[in-house]
């Protein structure tokens, strides 16, 4: 069965990412066409990139990198839940991506973002970064507004129509993750 990791892309105290990721997971597990699992970056306290060799070599010195590698490698695709900070994604998410290379390759990704403008610029940045590590991103995305999908910018209350957007994005991620399996098998 296809396995999709829902990556909680913020470790900030008081973050909204956890509530958003749990909402996505709760919708996803009802589907039955894939396994969905939360991956919280708080559980992988990666320092600033500290490996001596580039990630493309796959020669990891540190236990934290090896643990992160095993976790990322276990999935066929991902849903990145990201805030938008200063027109980009969070530093901790970018750092987590940079730690690895082959573990990301030939897998699918979808995005759920949030921010004042829905986090669109964070996703634009992630699409570029993930393209460099050979992740195929899907076109559908969920862009949540801090103005309309959160009360007082912190209490997550998504509009009802957002569920349809999640479904469309997950349809694409699951489909692409399956379609890319032959490429992963060759690697």
C-alpha atoms as a PDB file:
ATOM      1  CA  UNK A   1       0.000   0.000   0.000  1.00  0.00           C
ATOM      2  CA  UNK A   2       1.139   3.555  -0.715  1.00  0.00           C
ATOM      3  CA  UNK A   3       2.542   5.320   2.359  1.00  0.00           C
ATOM      4  CA  UNK A   4       2.253   9.093   2.676  1.00  0.00           C
ATOM      5  CA  UNK A   5       4.019  11.111   5.367  1.00  0.00           C
ATOM      6  CA  UNK A   6       2.284  14.292   6.498  1.00  0.00           C
ATOM      7  CA  UNK A   7       5.183  16.488   7.549  1.00  0.00           C
ATOM      8  CA  UNK A   8       4.522  19.064  10.254  1.00  0.00           C
ATOM      9  CA  UNK A   9       6.740  21.834   8.896  1.00  0.00           C
ATOM     10  CA  UNK A  10       7.130  24.042  11.965  1.00  0.00           C
ATOM     11  CA  UNK A  11       8.582  23.568  15.433  1.00  0.00           C
ATOM     12  CA  UNK A  12       7.732  27.052  16.625  1.00  0.00           C
ATOM     13  CA  UNK A  13       6.062  27.349  20.069  1.00  0.00           C
ATOM     14  CA  UNK A  14       2.356  28.018  19.588  1.00  0.00           C
ATOM     15  CA  UNK A  15       2.532  26.785  16.003  1.00  0.00           C
ATOM     16  CA  UNK A  16      -0.573  26.246  13.894  1.00  0.00           C
ATOM     17  CA  UNK A  17       1.058  23.491  11.824  1.00  0.00           C
ATOM     18  CA  UNK A  18       0.214  20.700  14.229  1.00  0.00           C
ATOM     19  CA  UNK A  19      -3.540  21.401  14.209  1.00  0.00           C
ATOM     20  CA  UNK A  20      -3.522  21.744  10.418  1.00  0.00           C
ATOM     21  CA  UNK A  21      -1.548  18.505   9.947  1.00  0.00           C
ATOM     22  CA  UNK A  22      -3.863  16.590  12.284  1.00  0.00           C
ATOM     23  CA  UNK A  23      -6.868  17.879  10.313  1.00  0.00           C
ATOM     24  CA  UNK A  24      -5.276  16.690   7.057  1.00  0.00           C
ATOM     25  CA  UNK A  25      -4.466  13.308   8.608  1.00  0.00           C
ATOM     26  CA  UNK A  26      -8.008  12.907   9.972  1.00  0.00           C
ATOM     27  CA  UNK A  27      -9.421  13.529   6.494  1.00  0.00           C
ATOM     28  CA  UNK A  28      -6.810  11.316   4.827  1.00  0.00           C
ATOM     29  CA  UNK A  29      -7.243   8.196   6.958  1.00  0.00           C
ATOM     30  CA  UNK A  30     -10.902   7.988   5.906  1.00  0.00           C
ATOM     31  CA  UNK A  31      -9.827   7.326   2.315  1.00  0.00           C
ATOM     32  CA  UNK A  32      -8.559   3.736   2.476  1.00  0.00           C
ATOM     33  CA  UNK A  33      -6.328   4.028  -0.624  1.00  0.00           C
ATOM     34  CA  UNK A  34      -3.096   4.720   1.260  1.00  0.00           C
ATOM     35  CA  UNK A  35      -1.567   4.798   4.721  1.00  0.00           C
ATOM     36  CA  UNK A  36      -1.089   8.277   6.174  1.00  0.00           C
ATOM     37  CA  UNK A  37       1.202   9.109   9.053  1.00  0.00           C
ATOM     38  CA  UNK A  38       2.182  12.327  10.804  1.00  0.00           C
ATOM     39  CA  UNK A  39       5.870  13.184  10.802  1.00  0.00           C
ATOM     40  CA  UNK A  40       6.570  15.950  13.295  1.00  0.00           C
ATOM     41  CA  UNK A  41       9.879  17.757  12.893  1.00  0.00           C
ATOM     42  CA  UNK A  42       9.896  18.225  16.668  1.00  0.00           C
ATOM     43  CA  UNK A  43      10.556  14.472  16.885  1.00  0.00           C
ATOM     44  CA  UNK A  44      13.665  14.904  14.715  1.00  0.00           C
ATOM     45  CA  UNK A  45      15.731  17.659  16.354  1.00  0.00           C
ATOM     46  CA  UNK A  46      18.108  18.224  13.471  1.00  0.00           C
ATOM     47  CA  UNK A  47      20.769  20.880  14.070  1.00  0.00           C
ATOM     48  CA  UNK A  48      21.780  23.170  11.254  1.00  0.00           C
ATOM     49  CA  UNK A  49      23.133  20.915   8.544  1.00  0.00           C
ATOM     50  CA  UNK A  50      26.164  19.279  10.131  1.00  0.00           C
ATOM     51  CA  UNK A  51      27.097  16.417   7.800  1.00  0.00           C
ATOM     52  CA  UNK A  52      30.590  16.550   6.305  1.00  0.00           C
ATOM     53  CA  UNK A  53      29.553  15.119   2.941  1.00  0.00           C
ATOM     54  CA  UNK A  54      26.821  16.391   0.612  1.00  0.00           C
ATOM     55  CA  UNK A  55      23.518  14.560   1.055  1.00  0.00           C
ATOM     56  CA  UNK A  56      23.776  13.154  -2.475  1.00  0.00           C
ATOM     57  CA  UNK A  57      26.619  10.892  -1.236  1.00  0.00           C
ATOM     58  CA  UNK A  58      24.339   9.231   1.307  1.00  0.00           C
ATOM     59  CA  UNK A  59      27.210   8.947   3.809  1.00  0.00           C
ATOM     60  CA  UNK A  60      25.708  10.061   7.078  1.00  0.00           C
ATOM     61  CA  UNK A  61      27.920  10.399  10.154  1.00  0.00           C
ATOM     62  CA  UNK A  62      25.343  11.377  12.739  1.00  0.00           C
ATOM     63  CA  UNK A  63      22.589   9.282  14.353  1.00  0.00           C
ATOM     64  CA  UNK A  64      20.078  12.133  13.944  1.00  0.00           C
ATOM     65  CA  UNK A  65      20.643  12.098  10.179  1.00  0.00           C
ATOM     66  CA  UNK A  66      20.341   8.323   9.961  1.00  0.00           C
ATOM     67  CA  UNK A  67      17.073   8.386  11.937  1.00  0.00           C
ATOM     68  CA  UNK A  68      15.694  11.125   9.676  1.00  0.00           C
ATOM     69  CA  UNK A  69      16.846   9.206   6.608  1.00  0.00           C
ATOM     70  CA  UNK A  70      15.050   6.027   7.681  1.00  0.00           C
ATOM     71  CA  UNK A  71      11.848   7.907   8.370  1.00  0.00           C
ATOM     72  CA  UNK A  72      11.777   9.818   5.083  1.00  0.00           C
ATOM     73  CA  UNK A  73      12.777   6.736   3.080  1.00  0.00           C
ATOM     74  CA  UNK A  74       9.813   4.788   4.475  1.00  0.00           C
ATOM     75  CA  UNK A  75       7.287   6.851   2.516  1.00  0.00           C
ATOM     76  CA  UNK A  76       6.157   6.912  -1.121  1.00  0.00           C
ATOM     77  CA  UNK A  77       5.036  10.521  -0.937  1.00  0.00           C
ATOM     78  CA  UNK A  78       4.490  13.464   1.344  1.00  0.00           C
ATOM     79  CA  UNK A  79       2.122  16.223   2.277  1.00  0.00           C
ATOM     80  CA  UNK A  80       4.075  19.222   3.541  1.00  0.00           C
ATOM     81  CA  UNK A  81       2.194  21.387   6.008  1.00  0.00           C
ATOM     82  CA  UNK A  82       3.999  24.703   6.023  1.00  0.00           C
ATOM     83  CA  UNK A  83       3.560  28.160   7.424  1.00  0.00           C
ATOM     84  CA  UNK A  84       4.720  31.154   5.450  1.00  0.00           C
ATOM     85  CA  UNK A  85       7.444  33.118   7.192  1.00  0.00           C
ATOM     86  CA  UNK A  86       8.873  36.113   5.333  1.00  0.00           C
ATOM     87  CA  UNK A  87       7.643  34.892   1.937  1.00  0.00           C
ATOM     88  CA  UNK A  88       9.105  31.403   2.377  1.00  0.00           C
ATOM     89  CA  UNK A  89       8.756  28.184   4.290  1.00  0.00           C
ATOM     90  CA  UNK A  90      10.115  27.658   7.795  1.00  0.00           C
ATOM     91  CA  UNK A  91      13.858  27.347   8.251  1.00  0.00           C
ATOM     92  CA  UNK A  92      13.455  24.051  10.086  1.00  0.00           C
ATOM     93  CA  UNK A  93      11.611  22.490   7.133  1.00  0.00           C
ATOM     94  CA  UNK A  94      14.160  23.721   4.600  1.00  0.00           C
ATOM     95  CA  UNK A  95      16.957  22.364   6.805  1.00  0.00           C
ATOM     96  CA  UNK A  96      15.219  18.969   7.131  1.00  0.00           C
ATOM     97  CA  UNK A  97      14.919  18.712   3.354  1.00  0.00           C
ATOM     98  CA  UNK A  98      18.581  19.642   2.863  1.00  0.00           C
ATOM     99  CA  UNK A  99      19.805  16.831   5.123  1.00  0.00           C
ATOM    100  CA  UNK A 100      18.824  14.160   2.565  1.00  0.00           C
ATOM    101  CA  UNK A 101      18.787  13.495  -1.162  1.00  0.00           C
ATOM    102  CA  UNK A 102      18.079   9.947  -2.395  1.00  0.00           C
ATOM    103  CA  UNK A 103      15.404   9.423   0.246  1.00  0.00           C
ATOM    104  CA  UNK A 104      13.270  12.132  -1.394  1.00  0.00           C
ATOM    105  CA  UNK A 105      13.858  11.146  -5.025  1.00  0.00           C
ATOM    106  CA  UNK A 106      11.065   9.950  -7.285  1.00  0.00           C
ATOM    107  CA  UNK A 107       8.331  10.521  -4.753  1.00  0.00           C
ATOM    108  CA  UNK A 108       5.254  12.734  -4.854  1.00  0.00           C
ATOM    109  CA  UNK A 109       4.435  15.760  -2.741  1.00  0.00           C
ATOM    110  CA  UNK A 110       1.440  17.923  -2.035  1.00  0.00           C
ATOM    111  CA  UNK A 111       1.168  21.065   0.051  1.00  0.00           C
ATOM    112  CA  UNK A 112      -1.048  22.547   2.708  1.00  0.00           C
ATOM    113  CA  UNK A 113       0.078  26.043   3.557  1.00  0.00           C
ATOM    114  CA  UNK A 114      -1.153  28.818   5.766  1.00  0.00           C
ATOM    115  CA  UNK A 115      -0.413  32.466   6.261  1.00  0.00           C
ATOM    116  CA  UNK A 116      -1.781  35.940   5.759  1.00  0.00           C
ATOM    117  CA  UNK A 117      -2.029  35.231   2.023  1.00  0.00           C
ATOM    118  CA  UNK A 118      -2.545  31.476   2.352  1.00  0.00           C
ATOM    119  CA  UNK A 119       1.142  30.605   2.351  1.00  0.00           C
ATOM    120  CA  UNK A 120       1.371  30.596  -1.440  1.00  0.00           C
ATOM    121  CA  UNK A 121       4.929  31.961  -1.515  1.00  0.00           C
ATOM    122  CA  UNK A 122       6.094  29.286   0.933  1.00  0.00           C
ATOM    123  CA  UNK A 123       4.805  26.625  -1.448  1.00  0.00           C
ATOM    124  CA  UNK A 124       6.435  28.303  -4.442  1.00  0.00           C
ATOM    125  CA  UNK A 125       9.754  28.098  -2.614  1.00  0.00           C
ATOM    126  CA  UNK A 126       9.176  24.474  -1.574  1.00  0.00           C
ATOM    127  CA  UNK A 127       8.363  23.483  -5.152  1.00  0.00           C
ATOM    128  CA  UNK A 128      11.767  24.808  -6.262  1.00  0.00           C
ATOM    129  CA  UNK A 129      13.656  23.166  -3.413  1.00  0.00           C
ATOM    130  CA  UNK A 130      11.922  19.812  -3.770  1.00  0.00           C
ATOM    131  CA  UNK A 131      12.475  19.828  -7.525  1.00  0.00           C
ATOM    132  CA  UNK A 132      16.232  19.817  -6.841  1.00  0.00           C
ATOM    133  CA  UNK A 133      15.904  16.605  -4.809  1.00  0.00           C
ATOM    134  CA  UNK A 134      13.749  14.990  -7.508  1.00  0.00           C
ATOM    135  CA  UNK A 135      10.360  15.202  -5.808  1.00  0.00           C
ATOM    136  CA  UNK A 136       7.372  15.424  -8.159  1.00  0.00           C
ATOM    137  CA  UNK A 137       4.986  18.002  -6.752  1.00  0.00           C
ATOM    138  CA  UNK A 138       1.307  17.927  -7.619  1.00  0.00           C
ATOM    139  CA  UNK A 139      -0.578  20.971  -8.855  1.00  0.00           C
ATOM    140  CA  UNK A 140      -3.432  20.941  -6.337  1.00  0.00           C
ATOM    141  CA  UNK A 141      -2.656  22.634  -3.055  1.00  0.00           C
ATOM    142  CA  UNK A 142      -4.534  23.849  -0.017  1.00  0.00           C
ATOM    143  CA  UNK A 143      -3.874  27.482   0.927  1.00  0.00           C
ATOM    144  CA  UNK A 144      -5.349  28.429   4.285  1.00  0.00           C
ATOM    145  CA  UNK A 145      -5.786  32.051   5.284  1.00  0.00           C
ATOM    146  CA  UNK A 146      -5.005  33.241   8.788  1.00  0.00           C
ATOM    147  CA  UNK A 147      -7.886  35.703   8.297  1.00  0.00           C
ATOM    148  CA  UNK A 148     -10.641  33.249   7.355  1.00  0.00           C
ATOM    149  CA  UNK A 149      -9.535  29.768   8.472  1.00  0.00           C
ATOM    150  CA  UNK A 150      -8.302  30.713  11.946  1.00  0.00           C
ATOM    151  CA  UNK A 151      -9.964  32.635  14.756  1.00  0.00           C
ATOM    152  CA  UNK A 152      -7.647  35.275  16.212  1.00  0.00           C
ATOM    153  CA  UNK A 153      -4.932  33.873  13.905  1.00  0.00           C
ATOM    154  CA  UNK A 154      -4.433  30.848  16.174  1.00  0.00           C
ATOM    155  CA  UNK A 155      -7.598  28.754  16.604  1.00  0.00           C
ATOM    156  CA  UNK A 156      -7.869  26.585  13.481  1.00  0.00           C
ATOM    157  CA  UNK A 157     -11.407  26.586  12.061  1.00  0.00           C
ATOM    158  CA  UNK A 158     -11.148  25.733   8.346  1.00  0.00           C
ATOM    159  CA  UNK A 159     -13.941  26.687   6.018  1.00  0.00           C
ATOM    160  CA  UNK A 160     -16.011  23.662   4.951  1.00  0.00           C
ATOM    161  CA  UNK A 161     -14.965  23.932   1.302  1.00  0.00           C
ATOM    162  CA  UNK A 162     -11.327  23.319   2.319  1.00  0.00           C
ATOM    163  CA  UNK A 163     -12.066  19.593   2.713  1.00  0.00           C
ATOM    164  CA  UNK A 164     -12.685  19.303  -1.031  1.00  0.00           C
ATOM    165  CA  UNK A 165      -9.322  20.952  -1.703  1.00  0.00           C
ATOM    166  CA  UNK A 166      -7.601  18.447   0.610  1.00  0.00           C
ATOM    167  CA  UNK A 167      -9.332  15.561  -1.164  1.00  0.00           C
ATOM    168  CA  UNK A 168      -8.205  16.797  -4.582  1.00  0.00           C
ATOM    169  CA  UNK A 169      -4.616  17.268  -3.408  1.00  0.00           C
ATOM    170  CA  UNK A 170      -4.533  13.820  -1.768  1.00  0.00           C
ATOM    171  CA  UNK A 171      -6.005  12.209  -4.900  1.00  0.00           C
ATOM    172  CA  UNK A 172      -3.080  13.601  -6.870  1.00  0.00           C
ATOM    173  CA  UNK A 173      -0.414  12.711  -4.292  1.00  0.00           C
ATOM    174  CA  UNK A 174      -1.593   9.106  -3.970  1.00  0.00           C
ATOM    175  CA  UNK A 175      -1.899   8.728  -7.744  1.00  0.00           C
ATOM    176  CA  UNK A 176       1.545  10.162  -8.442  1.00  0.00           C
ATOM    177  CA  UNK A 177       3.168   8.207  -5.613  1.00  0.00           C
ATOM    178  CA  UNK A 178       1.873   5.010  -7.212  1.00  0.00           C
ATOM    179  CA  UNK A 179       2.888   6.061 -10.709  1.00  0.00           C
ATOM    180  CA  UNK A 180       6.445   6.808  -9.549  1.00  0.00           C
ATOM    181  CA  UNK A 181       6.943   3.388  -7.917  1.00  0.00           C
ATOM    182  CA  UNK A 182       8.722   1.889 -10.964  1.00  0.00           C
ATOM    183  CA  UNK A 183      11.312   4.692 -10.820  1.00  0.00           C
ATOM    184  CA  UNK A 184      11.948   4.057  -7.134  1.00  0.00           C
ATOM    185  CA  UNK A 185      12.300   0.328  -7.806  1.00  0.00           C
ATOM    186  CA  UNK A 186      15.073   0.995 -10.367  1.00  0.00           C
ATOM    187  CA  UNK A 187      16.936   3.269  -7.963  1.00  0.00           C
END
